[in-house]
Protein backbone atom coordinates (compact mmCIF):
# COMPACT_ATOMS: atom_id res chain seq x y z
CA MET A 1 55.68 8.19 -27.17
CA ALA A 2 54.33 4.28 -27.48
CA ILE A 3 50.53 3.60 -26.54
CA GLN A 4 50.02 1.04 -23.94
CA GLU A 5 46.94 -0.64 -22.20
CA ILE A 6 47.59 -0.56 -18.03
CA ALA A 7 44.95 -2.56 -15.80
CA LEU A 8 43.48 -1.46 -12.87
CA ASP A 9 42.05 -3.62 -10.98
CA LEU A 10 39.71 -2.01 -8.50
CA ASP A 11 38.70 -3.53 -5.53
CA LEU A 12 34.70 -3.71 -5.11
CA SER A 13 34.47 -4.60 -1.21
CA VAL A 14 35.15 -1.05 -0.27
CA GLY A 15 33.53 1.97 -1.89
CA VAL A 16 30.26 3.63 -1.38
CA PHE A 17 27.26 1.07 -1.86
CA LYS A 18 23.76 2.17 -2.81
CA ASP A 19 21.14 -0.62 -2.96
CA THR A 20 24.29 -3.02 -3.98
CA ILE A 21 26.36 -5.50 -1.74
CA TYR A 22 29.69 -7.18 -2.87
CA GLN A 23 29.51 -10.50 -1.60
CA ALA A 24 31.69 -14.14 -3.55
CA GLN A 25 34.35 -12.14 -5.13
CA LYS A 26 31.13 -10.40 -6.70
CA LEU A 27 29.07 -7.18 -7.17
CA LYS A 28 25.42 -7.33 -6.97
CA LEU A 29 22.43 -5.89 -5.61
CA ARG A 30 21.36 -6.36 -2.45
CA GLU A 31 19.01 -8.84 -1.71
CA LEU A 32 15.23 -7.52 -0.66
CA SER A 33 12.96 -10.69 0.43
CA GLN A 34 11.62 -13.65 -1.29
CA ASP A 35 8.74 -14.22 -3.31
CA ALA A 36 5.97 -17.41 -2.37
CA ASP A 37 8.19 -19.64 -4.27
CA GLY A 38 11.49 -18.70 -2.40
CA ASN A 39 12.73 -16.80 -5.54
CA SER A 40 14.77 -13.56 -4.30
CA ILE A 41 13.70 -10.33 -4.82
CA TYR A 42 15.92 -7.23 -5.61
CA PRO A 43 15.15 -3.64 -6.12
CA GLY A 44 14.86 -2.20 -9.38
CA ASN A 45 18.46 -0.73 -9.64
CA GLY A 46 21.62 -0.09 -6.98
CA SER A 47 24.89 1.50 -7.96
CA TRP A 48 28.71 1.33 -6.23
CA GLU A 49 31.03 4.19 -6.37
CA SER A 50 34.74 3.47 -5.90
CA THR A 51 37.10 5.36 -3.34
CA PRO A 52 39.26 8.14 -5.33
CA PHE A 53 42.63 6.26 -6.38
CA ARG A 54 45.28 8.19 -7.84
CA ILE A 55 46.39 7.51 -11.23
CA GLN A 56 49.17 10.38 -12.15
CA ASP A 57 52.05 8.06 -11.17
CA LYS A 58 50.72 5.15 -13.49
CA ILE A 59 49.44 7.16 -16.35
CA ALA A 60 50.90 10.31 -17.85
CA SER A 61 47.96 11.10 -20.53
CA PHE A 62 44.95 9.31 -21.52
CA LYS A 63 43.99 8.46 -25.01
CA GLY A 64 40.64 6.59 -23.57
CA VAL A 65 39.38 3.99 -20.94
CA ALA A 66 37.91 0.64 -21.19
CA ALA A 67 36.21 -2.12 -19.35
CA SER A 68 36.57 -5.71 -18.89
CA VAL A 69 33.75 -6.89 -17.30
CA ASP A 70 31.95 -10.68 -16.07
CA ILE A 71 28.16 -11.10 -16.03
CA ALA A 72 26.65 -13.13 -13.88
CA GLY A 73 22.61 -13.23 -13.95
CA GLY A 74 20.33 -10.85 -16.05
CA ALA A 75 21.10 -7.46 -14.79
CA ALA A 76 22.19 -5.12 -16.83
CA TYR A 77 25.10 -2.68 -16.01
CA LYS A 78 27.03 0.88 -16.80
CA ILE A 79 30.06 2.17 -15.90
CA TYR A 80 31.37 5.20 -16.09
CA TRP A 81 34.58 7.38 -14.44
CA SER A 82 35.26 10.82 -13.44
CA THR A 83 38.58 12.70 -12.83
CA SER A 84 39.90 15.34 -10.89
CA GLU A 85 42.78 16.79 -10.34
CA ASP A 86 42.86 17.49 -6.63
CA GLY A 87 40.67 15.15 -5.53
CA PHE A 88 37.68 17.42 -3.90
CA GLU A 89 36.45 18.85 -7.32
CA TRP A 90 35.32 16.11 -9.45
CA GLY A 91 34.28 16.40 -13.50
CA ALA A 92 30.85 14.79 -14.29
CA TYR A 93 30.73 11.10 -14.84
CA GLU A 94 31.19 9.74 -18.46
CA GLU A 95 29.84 6.46 -19.38
CA ILE A 96 33.01 3.43 -20.61
CA LEU A 97 31.44 1.90 -23.50
CA ALA A 98 32.58 -1.11 -25.29
CA ASP A 99 34.99 1.50 -27.36
CA VAL A 100 37.21 3.65 -26.46
CA THR A 101 35.21 6.55 -24.57
CA ALA A 102 36.33 10.24 -25.40
CA PRO A 103 39.74 11.44 -24.41
CA LYS A 104 39.96 13.47 -21.45
CA SER A 105 42.55 15.88 -19.98
CA PRO A 106 45.49 14.21 -17.52
CA ALA A 107 44.15 14.21 -14.05
CA LYS A 108 46.02 12.89 -10.29
CA TYR A 109 42.62 10.79 -9.51
CA ALA A 110 39.97 8.89 -11.22
CA LYS A 111 37.28 7.10 -9.71
CA VAL A 112 34.51 4.70 -11.04
CA LYS A 113 30.81 4.39 -10.56
CA ILE A 114 28.88 1.14 -11.46
CA GLU A 115 24.90 0.89 -11.88
CA ILE A 116 23.01 -2.33 -12.51
CA VAL A 117 19.82 -2.39 -13.35
CA ALA A 118 17.58 -5.97 -12.35
CA GLU A 119 15.91 -7.70 -14.74
CA LYS A 120 11.96 -7.46 -14.64
CA GLU A 121 10.36 -10.70 -13.95
CA TYR A 122 7.25 -11.98 -12.43
CA SER A 123 6.80 -13.31 -8.81
CA ASN A 124 4.29 -14.99 -6.93
CA PHE A 125 2.94 -13.73 -4.06
CA TYR A 126 0.10 -15.62 -1.86
CA ILE A 127 -2.34 -13.54 0.45
CA ASP A 128 -4.11 -15.01 2.99
CA GLU A 129 -7.96 -16.33 3.16
CA PHE A 130 -9.06 -14.03 5.66
CA ASN A 131 -11.80 -16.02 7.07
CA GLN A 132 -10.68 -17.28 9.78
CA LYS A 133 -12.53 -15.20 12.90
CA GLY A 134 -10.68 -12.65 15.42
CA LYS A 135 -6.94 -12.59 13.49
CA TYR A 136 -7.63 -9.62 12.83
CA SER A 137 -8.74 -7.48 15.75
CA ASN A 138 -8.64 -3.83 14.63
CA PRO A 139 -12.00 -2.79 14.69
CA PHE A 140 -12.11 -0.77 11.60
CA ILE A 141 -11.38 -3.66 9.34
CA GLU A 142 -14.06 -6.28 8.33
CA SER A 143 -12.47 -10.04 6.94
CA GLU A 144 -15.26 -12.18 8.25
CA SER A 145 -16.92 -12.11 4.59
CA GLY A 146 -13.40 -14.02 3.38
CA SER A 147 -12.20 -10.60 1.69
CA LEU A 148 -9.85 -7.64 3.37
CA GLY A 149 -11.72 -4.36 3.35
CA LEU A 150 -12.77 -1.38 5.78
CA LYS A 151 -15.69 -2.13 8.32
CA LYS A 152 -18.84 0.16 6.67
CA ILE A 153 -21.68 -0.90 9.20
CA TYR A 154 -20.90 -0.54 13.27
CA GLN A 155 -23.31 -1.52 15.60
CA LEU A 156 -23.59 0.90 18.40
CA ASN A 157 -24.93 0.54 21.45
CA MET A 158 -27.28 3.82 22.34
CA GLU A 159 -27.18 5.07 26.20
CA ARG A 160 -30.82 5.85 27.68
CA ALA A 161 -30.52 9.72 27.60
CA SER A 162 -34.58 10.12 29.20
CA ASP A 163 -37.87 8.56 29.38
CA THR A 164 -40.96 10.49 27.89
CA PRO A 165 -44.58 10.04 27.88
CA THR A 166 -44.69 8.41 24.14
CA GLY A 167 -41.24 6.05 24.58
CA MET A 168 -37.21 7.14 25.73
CA VAL A 169 -34.61 8.93 24.39
CA LEU A 170 -31.60 7.16 23.56
CA ARG A 171 -27.88 9.14 23.01
CA GLN A 172 -24.91 7.99 21.34
CA LYS A 173 -21.31 9.99 20.72
CA VAL A 174 -20.25 9.68 17.56
CA GLU A 175 -16.05 11.65 17.75
CA ASN A 176 -15.91 12.70 14.23
CA THR A 177 -12.12 12.00 14.58
CA LYS A 178 -12.92 8.45 14.41
CA PHE A 179 -14.53 8.37 10.76
CA LYS A 180 -14.68 10.36 7.63
CA LYS A 181 -18.10 10.81 7.10
CA LEU A 182 -20.93 9.39 7.94
CA ASP A 183 -23.92 8.50 5.01
CA ARG A 184 -26.39 7.37 7.03
CA ILE A 185 -27.94 6.49 10.42
CA ARG A 186 -30.62 3.55 10.98
CA VAL A 187 -32.17 3.07 14.20
CA SER A 188 -34.08 0.05 14.67
CA LYS A 189 -36.97 -1.16 17.06
CA GLY A 190 -34.82 -3.03 20.08
């Protein structure tokens, strides 16, 4: 029996995409956003899984599987394959290496999975100067000092509860749902 190489072209436009897209005849990671310099930001990794395809008509037995891939950009990738007799129960994915992978017994169906890992690079992000009055209207945030932070000092208007011969009693209700804890209460003469 003669051994013959058979090329199977995979349609990368159909399948299961996880943080990947098929664009301009290429499978690539989807763009999440852009940094301050206009460079694209991608997820750390993503994958694509083919739809099952019938191989029994094309191949009588396997010696191994190899892959030919054109790479553009700095991402790394791994290619896996799995086989099935009925198209429902699948064996574990095995990585397709540069050399021929371990032989598998003949099967009716196969599918391929490609994992892409993004190249790590530094990005620039610019943050607001936080010195514009009234830009952040949340009553619990403070930004007038040039940095964004939680407000720590609150001015509360006290209610006059009653008058006494030596002064007056003021009162202010503080709901425990608005504050996690109170460090101190200071009353100034007014």
